[in-house]
C-alpha atoms as a PDB file:
ATOM      1  CA  UNK A   1     -12.651  -1.997   1.868  1.00  0.00           C
ATOM      2  CA  UNK A   2     -12.935  -0.880   5.448  1.00  0.00           C
ATOM      3  CA  UNK A   3      -9.299   0.096   6.299  1.00  0.00           C
ATOM      4  CA  UNK A   4      -8.505  -2.521   8.981  1.00  0.00           C
ATOM      5  CA  UNK A   5      -5.061  -2.881  10.604  1.00  0.00           C
ATOM      6  CA  UNK A   6      -4.259  -5.887   8.225  1.00  0.00           C
ATOM      7  CA  UNK A   7      -1.600  -7.628  10.661  1.00  0.00           C
ATOM      8  CA  UNK A   8      -4.242  -7.610  13.277  1.00  0.00           C
ATOM      9  CA  UNK A   9      -6.818  -9.167  11.010  1.00  0.00           C
ATOM     10  CA  UNK A  10      -7.122 -13.037  10.613  1.00  0.00           C
ATOM     11  CA  UNK A  11      -5.841 -14.454   7.268  1.00  0.00           C
ATOM     12  CA  UNK A  12      -9.327 -14.775   5.970  1.00  0.00           C
ATOM     13  CA  UNK A  13     -10.269 -11.146   6.924  1.00  0.00           C
ATOM     14  CA  UNK A  14      -7.039  -9.673   5.496  1.00  0.00           C
ATOM     15  CA  UNK A  15      -7.674 -11.521   2.123  1.00  0.00           C
ATOM     16  CA  UNK A  16     -11.330 -10.541   1.958  1.00  0.00           C
ATOM     17  CA  UNK A  17     -10.190  -6.848   2.329  1.00  0.00           C
ATOM     18  CA  UNK A  18      -7.285  -7.159  -0.156  1.00  0.00           C
ATOM     19  CA  UNK A  19      -9.313  -9.084  -2.712  1.00  0.00           C
ATOM     20  CA  UNK A  20     -12.460  -7.018  -2.295  1.00  0.00           C
ATOM     21  CA  UNK A  21     -10.600  -3.671  -2.805  1.00  0.00           C
ATOM     22  CA  UNK A  22      -8.776  -4.990  -5.907  1.00  0.00           C
ATOM     23  CA  UNK A  23     -11.954  -6.360  -7.473  1.00  0.00           C
ATOM     24  CA  UNK A  24     -14.025  -3.261  -6.526  1.00  0.00           C
ATOM     25  CA  UNK A  25     -11.419  -0.950  -8.099  1.00  0.00           C
ATOM     26  CA  UNK A  26     -11.017  -3.000 -11.233  1.00  0.00           C
ATOM     27  CA  UNK A  27     -14.650  -3.057 -11.772  1.00  0.00           C
ATOM     28  CA  UNK A  28     -14.965   0.693 -11.350  1.00  0.00           C
ATOM     29  CA  UNK A  29     -12.025   1.649 -13.282  1.00  0.00           C
ATOM     30  CA  UNK A  30     -12.108  -1.036 -15.968  1.00  0.00           C
ATOM     31  CA  UNK A  31      -8.359  -1.649 -15.775  1.00  0.00           C
ATOM     32  CA  UNK A  32      -6.036  -4.089 -13.808  1.00  0.00           C
ATOM     33  CA  UNK A  33      -5.235  -2.795 -10.425  1.00  0.00           C
ATOM     34  CA  UNK A  34      -1.402  -3.806  -9.637  1.00  0.00           C
ATOM     35  CA  UNK A  35      -0.366  -1.579  -6.806  1.00  0.00           C
ATOM     36  CA  UNK A  36      -1.729  -1.292  -3.306  1.00  0.00           C
ATOM     37  CA  UNK A  37      -1.607   1.405  -0.566  1.00  0.00           C
ATOM     38  CA  UNK A  38      -1.727   0.228   2.968  1.00  0.00           C
ATOM     39  CA  UNK A  39      -4.646   1.626   4.891  1.00  0.00           C
ATOM     40  CA  UNK A  40      -4.089   3.951   7.761  1.00  0.00           C
ATOM     41  CA  UNK A  41      -0.698   5.079   9.031  1.00  0.00           C
ATOM     42  CA  UNK A  42       0.847   6.450  12.159  1.00  0.00           C
ATOM     43  CA  UNK A  43       2.782   4.668  14.888  1.00  0.00           C
ATOM     44  CA  UNK A  44       1.089   1.252  14.552  1.00  0.00           C
ATOM     45  CA  UNK A  45       2.527  -1.131  11.881  1.00  0.00           C
ATOM     46  CA  UNK A  46      -0.281  -1.578   9.180  1.00  0.00           C
ATOM     47  CA  UNK A  47       1.701  -4.210   7.223  1.00  0.00           C
ATOM     48  CA  UNK A  48       4.028  -7.076   7.992  1.00  0.00           C
ATOM     49  CA  UNK A  49       5.714  -9.920   6.144  1.00  0.00           C
ATOM     50  CA  UNK A  50       2.535 -12.038   6.108  1.00  0.00           C
ATOM     51  CA  UNK A  51       0.584  -9.022   4.719  1.00  0.00           C
ATOM     52  CA  UNK A  52       3.265  -8.639   1.879  1.00  0.00           C
ATOM     53  CA  UNK A  53       2.937 -12.275   1.028  1.00  0.00           C
ATOM     54  CA  UNK A  54      -0.876 -12.089   0.804  1.00  0.00           C
ATOM     55  CA  UNK A  55      -0.502  -9.126  -1.612  1.00  0.00           C
ATOM     56  CA  UNK A  56       1.889 -11.026  -3.827  1.00  0.00           C
ATOM     57  CA  UNK A  57      -0.536 -13.919  -3.857  1.00  0.00           C
ATOM     58  CA  UNK A  58      -3.335 -11.738  -4.856  1.00  0.00           C
ATOM     59  CA  UNK A  59      -1.525 -10.328  -7.815  1.00  0.00           C
ATOM     60  CA  UNK A  60      -0.040  -6.955  -6.616  1.00  0.00           C
ATOM     61  CA  UNK A  61       3.268  -5.805  -7.864  1.00  0.00           C
ATOM     62  CA  UNK A  62       3.924  -3.282  -5.162  1.00  0.00           C
ATOM     63  CA  UNK A  63       2.611  -1.506  -2.069  1.00  0.00           C
ATOM     64  CA  UNK A  64       3.106   1.900  -0.573  1.00  0.00           C
ATOM     65  CA  UNK A  65       3.360   2.739   3.143  1.00  0.00           C
ATOM     66  CA  UNK A  66       2.451   5.988   4.805  1.00  0.00           C
ATOM     67  CA  UNK A  67       6.258   6.295   5.854  1.00  0.00           C
ATOM     68  CA  UNK A  68       7.814   9.378   4.651  1.00  0.00           C
ATOM     69  CA  UNK A  69      10.742   9.229   2.247  1.00  0.00           C
ATOM     70  CA  UNK A  70      11.745   8.460  -1.260  1.00  0.00           C
ATOM     71  CA  UNK A  71      11.926   4.981  -2.869  1.00  0.00           C
ATOM     72  CA  UNK A  72      15.224   3.843  -4.230  1.00  0.00           C
ATOM     73  CA  UNK A  73      16.589   0.879  -6.287  1.00  0.00           C
ATOM     74  CA  UNK A  74      17.106  -1.059  -3.130  1.00  0.00           C
ATOM     75  CA  UNK A  75      13.677  -0.549  -1.872  1.00  0.00           C
ATOM     76  CA  UNK A  76      11.310  -3.352  -0.945  1.00  0.00           C
ATOM     77  CA  UNK A  77       8.585  -3.147  -3.468  1.00  0.00           C
ATOM     78  CA  UNK A  78       6.073  -4.057  -0.889  1.00  0.00           C
ATOM     79  CA  UNK A  79       7.248  -1.419   1.488  1.00  0.00           C
ATOM     80  CA  UNK A  80       7.737   1.584  -0.624  1.00  0.00           C
ATOM     81  CA  UNK A  81       7.964   4.974   1.143  1.00  0.00           C
ATOM     82  CA  UNK A  82       6.038   8.100  -0.157  1.00  0.00           C
ATOM     83  CA  UNK A  83       6.852  11.751  -0.580  1.00  0.00           C
ATOM     84  CA  UNK A  84       4.532  14.425   0.716  1.00  0.00           C
ATOM     85  CA  UNK A  85       2.707  16.126  -2.139  1.00  0.00           C
ATOM     86  CA  UNK A  86       2.731  19.965  -2.046  1.00  0.00           C
ATOM     87  CA  UNK A  87       1.461  22.755  -4.227  1.00  0.00           C
ATOM     88  CA  UNK A  88       5.070  24.107  -4.615  1.00  0.00           C
ATOM     89  CA  UNK A  89       7.405  21.846  -6.603  1.00  0.00           C
ATOM     90  CA  UNK A  90      10.371  23.374  -4.801  1.00  0.00           C
ATOM     91  CA  UNK A  91       9.037  22.097  -1.476  1.00  0.00           C
ATOM     92  CA  UNK A  92       8.922  18.646  -2.856  1.00  0.00           C
ATOM     93  CA  UNK A  93      12.389  18.784  -4.428  1.00  0.00           C
ATOM     94  CA  UNK A  94      13.677  19.954  -1.060  1.00  0.00           C
ATOM     95  CA  UNK A  95      12.769  16.477   0.387  1.00  0.00           C
ATOM     96  CA  UNK A  96      15.172  14.850  -1.978  1.00  0.00           C
END
């Protein structure tokens, strides 16, 4: 909702953000939202084990970080890495 650093928020603040964004998106999109993208990125951790528990309890099935990389079968579903999107498919394939 406001892109806070979730580990720095109180439990109530984090839950309000997580539940609020889920509810808003579901209302606007008229579909169930099951996957979460952590707000922000950079050098400060924007998720932790407590945050992952809150996401599970709220009904999310996975969450993506801003960490570069590709997910694999062994990946933590609540700590998925992402690939940079490019206009050129060959550049994206190079990252594999």
